[in-house]
């Protein structure tokens, strides 16, 4: 039997593209859903049966009991947040102890990592990145510095000794920042309170099976199982290819699947890239098509553009084709998935950025100089479709003007749009070419 391929689904903008919903829709086609990077800074929203569910660490296929969900080695885990998430899932009828596995090589976010995150962000002043303060950066720092602790270490006899040693190192660093942990809280709790809940979570999550993730996934592929790798954040937040330093601390692109799950490059199959019909961004950093007028507020209100993890207001702007082309190239996208076009149902006109302009030079890709204050965007006007698309069941029910917009994007980026999301519910999804 030929070994199966790992398909990938990831975001092509600055996150919040609607990946969670699409993974949930795709899950019945796959035996395994595996998260490959990021941590609880993710916020994947699913809606079905009149209920909304927000996932942070757990893969978005968890509500399908017949599908295995894996938290891969490239993901970092806060035990307290994971416990909270598991409790909410159980309250809603899911049984994660049956279909959720965690790679033993996944790194742990310690409570002291979260204090470090707050100290680093505070020290930046007006240059702050806009961190979610979930301890993401400091945890990946310790991982690279070979200081980190992993899920598999919990069962080791010297775990608490190693935990205290790393915490002590973090406290020494905090002193150099004159950061008083007694004056700061973690999710509303004093450090000692949060730490105790974090340590108590070790027992709570003991029902979740831990595995050698890379071996499990490769064995599953050999056995003919289908696997979908789920990304978090978005391509333009990638630590190498995003708008550095206003990025996340992990690689969010398709190449990270190989290191985040332990699969070879020749094991990659389709790459599904999710993008909004407009753009949003949370936190600081460049945003070439950002709007500051009533249109931005209309997008924000109609699109419910508030962070699923932090609740922060999302900055809003027009679709950015140079950035989209860039993301398609970096990820080797085979199929595009467009979301939230329904937010613009009432717009008379829709703008699309076709090029960047830097010192009279026209560029159709995202350059290093995206941080340059002198960068301008060239906008093209498109006629709005001026009717609701939320009840459409197939593309034949979509307005001609809307389909012209879809075909324009396909031609501009040289990649097919295979799925159209016309609303937040899993049922509001049109499969065009899958």
Protein backbone atom coordinates (compact mmCIF):
# COMPACT_ATOMS: atom_id res chain seq x y z
CA UNK A 1 0.00 0.00 0.00
CA UNK A 2 1.26 3.49 -0.86
CA UNK A 3 1.87 5.70 2.14
CA UNK A 4 -0.80 8.38 2.58
CA UNK A 5 -0.01 12.09 2.51
CA UNK A 6 -0.54 14.72 5.20
CA UNK A 7 -2.83 17.51 4.03
CA UNK A 8 -2.36 20.93 5.61
CA UNK A 9 -4.80 23.69 6.50
CA UNK A 10 -3.39 27.05 7.56
CA UNK A 11 -4.04 30.78 7.53
CA UNK A 12 -2.68 33.11 4.85
CA UNK A 13 -3.06 36.46 6.62
CA UNK A 14 -2.47 37.66 10.20
CA UNK A 15 -4.55 34.92 11.80
CA UNK A 16 -8.30 34.91 12.55
CA UNK A 17 -9.10 33.72 9.03
CA UNK A 18 -11.68 31.14 10.14
CA UNK A 19 -9.44 28.07 10.20
CA UNK A 20 -11.27 26.41 13.08
CA UNK A 21 -14.58 26.33 11.27
CA UNK A 22 -13.04 24.89 8.12
CA UNK A 23 -11.14 22.18 10.03
CA UNK A 24 -14.41 21.23 11.71
CA UNK A 25 -16.11 21.02 8.29
CA UNK A 26 -13.25 18.96 6.82
CA UNK A 27 -12.87 16.59 9.78
CA UNK A 28 -15.30 13.86 8.59
CA UNK A 29 -12.94 13.30 5.64
CA UNK A 30 -9.95 12.60 7.90
CA UNK A 31 -8.98 9.97 10.45
CA UNK A 32 -6.60 12.29 12.32
CA UNK A 33 -6.48 16.07 12.95
CA UNK A 34 -3.11 17.26 14.28
CA UNK A 35 -2.06 20.70 15.53
CA UNK A 36 1.58 21.34 14.58
CA UNK A 37 2.59 24.69 16.17
CA UNK A 38 1.57 27.55 18.42
CA UNK A 39 -0.15 27.35 21.75
CA UNK A 40 -3.06 28.86 23.68
CA UNK A 41 -2.50 32.17 21.87
CA UNK A 42 -4.68 30.55 19.19
CA UNK A 43 -8.44 31.02 19.22
CA UNK A 44 -10.29 28.74 16.80
CA UNK A 45 -14.04 29.35 16.75
CA UNK A 46 -16.55 26.66 15.73
CA UNK A 47 -20.31 27.11 15.40
CA UNK A 48 -22.92 24.39 14.98
CA UNK A 49 -26.32 23.46 16.41
CA UNK A 50 -26.76 27.05 17.57
CA UNK A 51 -23.69 26.97 19.82
CA UNK A 52 -20.28 28.63 19.61
CA UNK A 53 -17.13 26.82 20.73
CA UNK A 54 -13.66 28.40 21.09
CA UNK A 55 -10.59 26.17 21.13
CA UNK A 56 -7.10 27.31 22.09
CA UNK A 57 -4.81 24.27 22.30
CA UNK A 58 -6.98 21.35 21.24
CA UNK A 59 -7.41 20.59 17.50
CA UNK A 60 -10.67 21.67 15.89
CA UNK A 61 -11.79 18.14 15.06
CA UNK A 62 -12.44 17.29 18.70
CA UNK A 63 -16.25 17.32 18.36
CA UNK A 64 -16.11 14.39 15.94
CA UNK A 65 -15.71 11.38 18.28
CA UNK A 66 -14.58 9.02 15.52
CA UNK A 67 -11.61 11.26 14.62
CA UNK A 68 -8.32 11.22 16.56
CA UNK A 69 -7.03 14.67 17.53
CA UNK A 70 -3.31 15.10 18.22
CA UNK A 71 -1.48 17.97 19.90
CA UNK A 72 1.86 17.71 18.09
CA UNK A 73 5.38 18.23 19.37
CA UNK A 74 5.53 21.70 17.82
CA UNK A 75 2.69 22.90 20.07
CA UNK A 76 3.35 24.39 23.51
CA UNK A 77 0.94 23.72 26.37
CA UNK A 78 -0.19 25.60 29.48
CA UNK A 79 -1.59 22.85 31.71
CA UNK A 80 -4.06 25.15 33.48
CA UNK A 81 -5.47 26.44 30.18
CA UNK A 82 -5.62 22.90 28.82
CA UNK A 83 -7.58 21.76 31.88
CA UNK A 84 -10.04 24.64 31.49
CA UNK A 85 -10.51 23.75 27.84
CA UNK A 86 -11.05 20.06 28.61
CA UNK A 87 -13.65 20.90 31.27
CA UNK A 88 -15.61 23.05 28.82
CA UNK A 89 -15.50 20.31 26.19
CA UNK A 90 -16.84 17.75 28.64
CA UNK A 91 -19.64 20.12 29.67
CA UNK A 92 -20.66 20.29 26.01
CA UNK A 93 -20.77 16.53 25.58
CA UNK A 94 -17.35 15.86 24.07
CA UNK A 95 -15.20 13.03 25.43
CA UNK A 96 -11.61 14.17 24.85
CA UNK A 97 -10.17 11.33 26.93
CA UNK A 98 -11.22 9.02 24.08
CA UNK A 99 -10.01 10.88 20.99
CA UNK A 100 -7.34 13.36 22.13
CA UNK A 101 -3.64 12.43 22.19
CA UNK A 102 -0.66 14.60 23.17
CA UNK A 103 2.88 14.23 21.86
CA UNK A 104 5.33 13.57 24.67
CA UNK A 105 7.67 16.06 23.02
CA UNK A 106 5.26 19.01 23.35
CA UNK A 107 6.83 21.73 25.50
CA UNK A 108 5.23 23.14 28.65
CA UNK A 109 4.39 26.78 29.31
CA UNK A 110 5.24 27.35 32.97
CA UNK A 111 3.49 30.05 35.03
CA UNK A 112 6.86 31.83 35.22
CA UNK A 113 6.99 31.90 31.41
CA UNK A 114 3.84 33.99 31.51
CA UNK A 115 5.40 36.42 33.99
CA UNK A 116 8.42 36.74 31.70
CA UNK A 117 6.09 37.48 28.79
CA UNK A 118 4.49 40.32 30.75
CA UNK A 119 7.89 41.70 31.81
CA UNK A 120 9.27 41.66 28.27
CA UNK A 121 6.17 43.32 26.84
CA UNK A 122 6.15 46.01 29.54
CA UNK A 123 9.82 46.79 28.91
CA UNK A 124 9.14 47.57 25.24
CA UNK A 125 6.92 50.54 26.10
CA UNK A 126 5.47 52.12 22.97
CA UNK A 127 7.27 49.51 20.83
CA UNK A 128 5.35 46.60 22.34
CA UNK A 129 4.43 43.78 19.98
CA UNK A 130 0.90 43.18 21.26
CA UNK A 131 1.60 39.82 22.90
CA UNK A 132 -1.33 37.72 24.11
CA UNK A 133 0.72 37.31 27.34
CA UNK A 134 0.26 33.53 27.21
CA UNK A 135 3.99 32.86 27.66
CA UNK A 136 4.50 31.84 24.04
CA UNK A 137 7.77 33.67 23.30
CA UNK A 138 9.57 32.76 26.54
CA UNK A 139 8.56 29.10 26.18
CA UNK A 140 9.90 28.84 22.64
CA UNK A 141 13.03 30.69 23.84
CA UNK A 142 13.67 28.03 26.46
CA UNK A 143 12.95 25.32 23.91
CA UNK A 144 15.66 26.67 21.58
CA UNK A 145 18.01 27.27 24.53
CA UNK A 146 17.52 23.60 25.53
CA UNK A 147 16.14 24.54 28.93
CA UNK A 148 12.49 23.61 28.44
CA UNK A 149 10.29 20.97 30.01
CA UNK A 150 8.05 18.67 27.97
CA UNK A 151 4.88 16.69 28.52
CA UNK A 152 6.89 13.47 28.70
CA UNK A 153 9.03 14.92 31.50
CA UNK A 154 6.03 15.03 33.86
CA UNK A 155 6.33 11.30 34.51
CA UNK A 156 10.03 11.54 35.35
CA UNK A 157 11.11 11.25 39.00
CA UNK A 158 13.03 14.54 38.90
CA UNK A 159 10.29 16.61 37.24
CA UNK A 160 9.59 18.91 40.20
CA UNK A 161 13.30 19.45 40.78
CA UNK A 162 13.72 20.53 37.15
CA UNK A 163 10.55 22.64 37.37
CA UNK A 164 11.84 24.56 40.41
CA UNK A 165 15.25 25.05 38.81
CA UNK A 166 13.74 26.57 35.67
CA UNK A 167 11.32 28.72 37.68
CA UNK A 168 14.25 30.01 39.76
CA UNK A 169 16.11 30.95 36.58
CA UNK A 170 13.02 32.85 35.37
CA UNK A 171 12.73 34.70 38.67
CA UNK A 172 16.37 35.80 38.38
CA UNK A 173 15.62 37.22 34.94
CA UNK A 174 12.53 39.01 36.26
CA UNK A 175 14.67 40.73 38.90
CA UNK A 176 16.81 42.29 36.16
CA UNK A 177 13.63 43.86 34.79
CA UNK A 178 12.64 45.11 38.29
CA UNK A 179 9.46 43.12 37.77
CA UNK A 180 7.57 42.36 40.99
CA UNK A 181 5.47 39.20 40.49
CA UNK A 182 3.33 40.20 43.49
CA UNK A 183 2.13 43.25 41.57
CA UNK A 184 0.98 41.25 38.55
CA UNK A 185 -1.57 38.55 37.93
CA UNK A 186 -2.01 35.69 35.47
CA UNK A 187 -5.59 35.58 34.19
CA UNK A 188 -6.66 37.44 37.32
CA UNK A 189 -4.78 35.16 39.75
CA UNK A 190 -1.70 35.86 41.84
CA UNK A 191 1.34 33.84 40.76
CA UNK A 192 1.13 31.35 43.65
CA UNK A 193 -2.57 30.77 43.01
CA UNK A 194 -2.07 30.21 39.30
CA UNK A 195 0.94 27.97 39.90
CA UNK A 196 -1.04 25.75 42.27
CA UNK A 197 -3.82 25.35 39.72
CA UNK A 198 -1.20 24.62 37.05
CA UNK A 199 0.35 21.89 39.19
CA UNK A 200 -3.08 20.46 40.05
CA UNK A 201 -3.80 20.21 36.33
CA UNK A 202 -1.08 17.56 36.03
CA UNK A 203 -3.40 15.06 37.70
CA UNK A 204 -6.44 16.27 35.79
CA UNK A 205 -4.91 15.71 32.37
CA UNK A 206 -3.54 12.27 33.28
CA UNK A 207 -6.56 10.70 31.55
CA UNK A 208 -5.34 12.07 28.21
CA UNK A 209 -3.09 9.62 26.39
CA UNK A 210 0.46 10.76 25.64
CA UNK A 211 2.21 9.33 22.59
CA UNK A 212 5.37 9.40 20.54
CA UNK A 213 3.59 11.64 18.07
CA UNK A 214 5.97 11.34 15.15
CA UNK A 215 5.88 7.53 15.28
CA UNK A 216 2.10 7.44 15.69
CA UNK A 217 1.47 9.71 12.70
CA UNK A 218 3.92 7.97 10.38
CA UNK A 219 2.57 4.55 11.35
CA UNK A 220 -0.95 5.85 10.70
CA UNK A 221 0.06 7.09 7.23
CA UNK A 222 1.56 3.70 6.41
CA UNK A 223 -1.68 2.07 7.53
CA UNK A 224 -3.64 4.19 5.05
CA UNK A 225 -5.03 6.70 7.57
CA UNK A 226 -5.80 10.24 6.41
CA UNK A 227 -4.25 13.16 8.32
CA UNK A 228 -5.00 16.88 8.29
CA UNK A 229 -2.42 19.18 9.92
CA UNK A 230 -4.06 22.23 11.50
CA UNK A 231 -2.13 25.48 11.75
CA UNK A 232 -2.60 28.36 14.18
CA UNK A 233 -2.06 32.12 13.75
CA UNK A 234 -1.29 33.01 10.12
CA UNK A 235 1.50 33.09 7.54
CA UNK A 236 2.12 36.82 7.98
CA UNK A 237 2.83 36.17 11.67
CA UNK A 238 5.53 33.58 10.93
CA UNK A 239 8.73 34.26 12.88
CA UNK A 240 10.81 34.08 9.68
CA UNK A 241 8.47 35.23 6.93
CA UNK A 242 6.05 37.52 8.76
CA UNK A 243 6.32 41.21 9.57
CA UNK A 244 9.14 40.71 12.08
CA UNK A 245 9.41 41.63 14.94
CA UNK A 246 5.61 41.96 15.07
CA UNK A 247 5.13 38.22 14.74
CA UNK A 248 4.45 35.12 16.79
CA UNK A 249 7.34 32.98 18.09
CA UNK A 250 6.82 29.92 15.90
CA UNK A 251 6.87 29.01 12.23
CA UNK A 252 3.27 29.12 11.04
CA UNK A 253 3.92 28.06 7.43
CA UNK A 254 3.50 24.66 5.78
CA UNK A 255 7.18 23.75 6.20
CA UNK A 256 6.62 23.74 9.97
CA UNK A 257 4.40 20.65 9.63
CA UNK A 258 7.52 18.57 9.04
CA UNK A 259 9.17 19.65 12.29
CA UNK A 260 5.95 20.19 14.24
CA UNK A 261 4.65 16.66 13.64
CA UNK A 262 7.73 14.74 12.58
CA UNK A 263 6.87 13.94 8.98
CA UNK A 264 9.10 14.07 5.90
CA UNK A 265 8.66 16.70 3.15
CA UNK A 266 7.60 14.01 0.69
CA UNK A 267 4.70 13.18 3.01
CA UNK A 268 2.92 16.48 2.31
CA UNK A 269 -0.18 16.38 0.12
CA UNK A 270 -2.67 19.20 -0.41
CA UNK A 271 -2.15 22.61 1.19
CA UNK A 272 -5.38 24.44 1.96
CA UNK A 273 -4.92 28.17 2.53
CA UNK A 274 -7.66 30.08 4.35
CA UNK A 275 -8.10 33.82 3.83
CA UNK A 276 -10.74 36.43 4.59
CA UNK A 277 -12.36 38.47 1.83
CA UNK A 278 -10.84 41.43 3.70
CA UNK A 279 -7.96 41.64 6.18
CA UNK A 280 -7.72 41.95 9.95
CA UNK A 281 -4.88 42.14 12.41
CA UNK A 282 -4.67 42.09 16.22
CA UNK A 283 -1.88 43.92 18.01
CA UNK A 284 0.93 46.05 16.65
CA UNK A 285 2.75 45.81 13.35
CA UNK A 286 2.44 46.88 9.71
CA UNK A 287 -0.94 46.57 7.98
CA UNK A 288 -0.71 48.13 4.50
CA UNK A 289 -4.46 48.15 3.72
CA UNK A 290 -5.68 49.18 7.18
CA UNK A 291 -8.74 51.43 7.29
CA UNK A 292 -9.46 54.11 9.86
CA UNK A 293 -12.92 55.21 8.74
CA UNK A 294 -16.53 54.08 9.03
CA UNK A 295 -15.84 51.18 6.68
CA UNK A 296 -13.38 49.74 9.20
CA UNK A 297 -16.01 49.97 11.93
CA UNK A 298 -18.63 48.39 9.67
CA UNK A 299 -16.32 45.45 8.95
CA UNK A 300 -15.53 45.14 12.65
CA UNK A 301 -19.16 45.16 13.78
CA UNK A 302 -20.61 42.96 11.04
CA UNK A 303 -17.65 40.58 11.12
CA UNK A 304 -17.53 40.40 14.94
CA UNK A 305 -13.86 41.25 14.70
CA UNK A 306 -12.77 40.84 18.29
CA UNK A 307 -10.01 38.43 19.32
CA UNK A 308 -11.21 34.96 20.34
CA UNK A 309 -8.30 34.65 22.77
CA UNK A 310 -7.92 38.20 24.11
CA UNK A 311 -11.18 39.95 23.18
CA UNK A 312 -9.13 42.78 21.69
CA UNK A 313 -10.51 44.84 18.81
CA UNK A 314 -9.16 43.71 15.45
CA UNK A 315 -7.80 46.26 13.02
CA UNK A 316 -9.62 45.99 9.67
CA UNK A 317 -8.66 46.70 6.06
CA UNK A 318 -9.16 45.69 2.44
CA UNK A 319 -7.99 42.45 0.86
CA UNK A 320 -4.24 42.59 0.18
CA UNK A 321 -3.33 40.68 -3.01
CA UNK A 322 0.47 41.16 -2.78
CA UNK A 323 0.39 39.66 0.71
CA UNK A 324 -1.90 36.85 -0.45
CA UNK A 325 0.38 35.99 -3.38
CA UNK A 326 3.32 35.94 -0.99
CA UNK A 327 1.58 33.54 1.39
CA UNK A 328 0.51 31.24 -1.44
CA UNK A 329 4.11 31.08 -2.65
CA UNK A 330 5.65 30.43 0.78
CA UNK A 331 3.19 27.65 1.60
CA UNK A 332 2.81 26.00 -1.79
CA UNK A 333 -0.97 26.41 -1.52
CA UNK A 334 -2.95 24.07 -3.79
CA UNK A 335 -6.45 25.21 -2.80
CA UNK A 336 -7.77 28.50 -1.45
CA UNK A 337 -10.66 28.84 1.00
CA UNK A 338 -12.36 32.23 1.26
CA UNK A 339 -14.25 33.22 4.41
CA UNK A 340 -16.36 36.14 5.62
CA UNK A 341 -17.32 37.55 2.21
CA UNK A 342 -20.85 37.69 3.64
CA UNK A 343 -19.68 40.51 5.93
CA UNK A 344 -19.57 42.75 2.85
CA UNK A 345 -23.04 41.81 1.51
CA UNK A 346 -24.30 45.39 1.86
CA UNK A 347 -21.25 47.19 0.44
CA UNK A 348 -21.78 49.28 -2.70
CA UNK A 349 -18.08 49.05 -3.53
CA UNK A 350 -15.24 46.81 -2.43
CA UNK A 351 -11.59 47.76 -2.63
CA UNK A 352 -8.70 45.38 -3.30
CA UNK A 353 -5.00 46.21 -2.99
CA UNK A 354 -3.23 45.12 -6.20
CA UNK A 355 0.29 46.51 -5.66
CA UNK A 356 2.57 48.20 -3.16
CA UNK A 357 4.31 51.43 -4.10
CA UNK A 358 7.71 52.24 -2.60
CA UNK A 359 9.59 55.28 -3.90
CA UNK A 360 7.74 55.10 -7.23
CA UNK A 361 8.50 51.37 -7.56
CA UNK A 362 5.45 49.14 -8.06
CA UNK A 363 5.61 45.71 -6.39
CA UNK A 364 3.10 42.85 -6.62
CA UNK A 365 4.61 40.92 -3.69
CA UNK A 366 5.35 41.57 -0.02
CA UNK A 367 8.94 42.88 0.35
CA UNK A 368 11.22 43.23 3.35
CA UNK A 369 10.37 46.94 3.27
CA UNK A 370 6.77 46.29 4.34
CA UNK A 371 7.84 47.95 7.60
CA UNK A 372 8.74 51.10 5.65
CA UNK A 373 6.54 54.04 6.57
CA UNK A 374 6.72 55.26 2.97
CA UNK A 375 4.97 52.19 1.58
CA UNK A 376 1.67 52.96 -0.17
CA UNK A 377 -0.93 50.61 -1.64
CA UNK A 378 -2.60 50.77 -5.02
CA UNK A 379 -6.33 50.02 -4.70
CA UNK A 380 -8.76 48.77 -7.31
CA UNK A 381 -12.53 49.26 -7.01
CA UNK A 382 -14.97 46.37 -7.44
CA UNK A 383 -18.74 46.54 -7.52
CA UNK A 384 -20.48 45.02 -4.49
CA UNK A 385 -23.06 42.22 -4.91
CA UNK A 386 -25.60 43.97 -2.68
CA UNK A 387 -27.48 40.88 -1.52
CA UNK A 388 -27.16 38.25 1.17
CA UNK A 389 -25.14 35.16 0.36
CA UNK A 390 -25.60 33.45 3.73
CA UNK A 391 -28.37 31.08 2.60
CA UNK A 392 -26.63 29.87 -0.56
CA UNK A 393 -26.11 26.10 -0.72
CA UNK A 394 -24.02 25.98 -3.90
CA UNK A 395 -22.23 28.42 -6.14
CA UNK A 396 -25.11 28.56 -8.62
CA UNK A 397 -27.11 30.40 -5.95
CA UNK A 398 -24.43 33.07 -5.51
CA UNK A 399 -24.80 36.47 -7.23
CA UNK A 400 -23.00 36.94 -10.55
CA UNK A 401 -21.16 39.96 -9.15
CA UNK A 402 -19.87 37.90 -6.26
CA UNK A 403 -18.64 35.11 -8.55
CA UNK A 404 -16.89 37.73 -10.68
CA UNK A 405 -15.08 38.83 -7.50
CA UNK A 406 -14.09 35.20 -6.79
CA UNK A 407 -12.82 34.66 -10.33
CA UNK A 408 -10.91 37.95 -10.21
CA UNK A 409 -9.04 36.84 -7.09
CA UNK A 410 -8.27 33.42 -8.61
CA UNK A 411 -6.76 35.00 -11.69
CA UNK A 412 -4.83 37.61 -9.70
CA UNK A 413 -3.11 35.06 -7.44
CA UNK A 414 -3.06 32.11 -9.88
CA UNK A 415 -4.69 29.69 -7.45
CA UNK A 416 -8.16 28.17 -7.35
CA UNK A 417 -10.73 28.98 -4.66
CA UNK A 418 -12.11 25.54 -3.82
CA UNK A 419 -14.27 26.39 -0.81
CA UNK A 420 -16.48 29.41 -0.07
CA UNK A 421 -17.68 30.06 3.47
CA UNK A 422 -20.87 32.13 3.49
CA UNK A 423 -21.41 32.28 7.27
CA UNK A 424 -20.03 31.10 10.62
CA UNK A 425 -22.01 27.85 10.91
CA UNK A 426 -20.45 24.64 9.60
CA UNK A 427 -23.48 24.26 7.29
CA UNK A 428 -22.73 27.59 5.61
CA UNK A 429 -19.94 26.15 3.47
CA UNK A 430 -19.92 25.69 -0.31
CA UNK A 431 -17.56 23.07 -1.74
CA UNK A 432 -16.68 24.17 -5.28
CA UNK A 433 -13.84 21.95 -6.40
CA UNK A 434 -13.27 19.35 -3.70
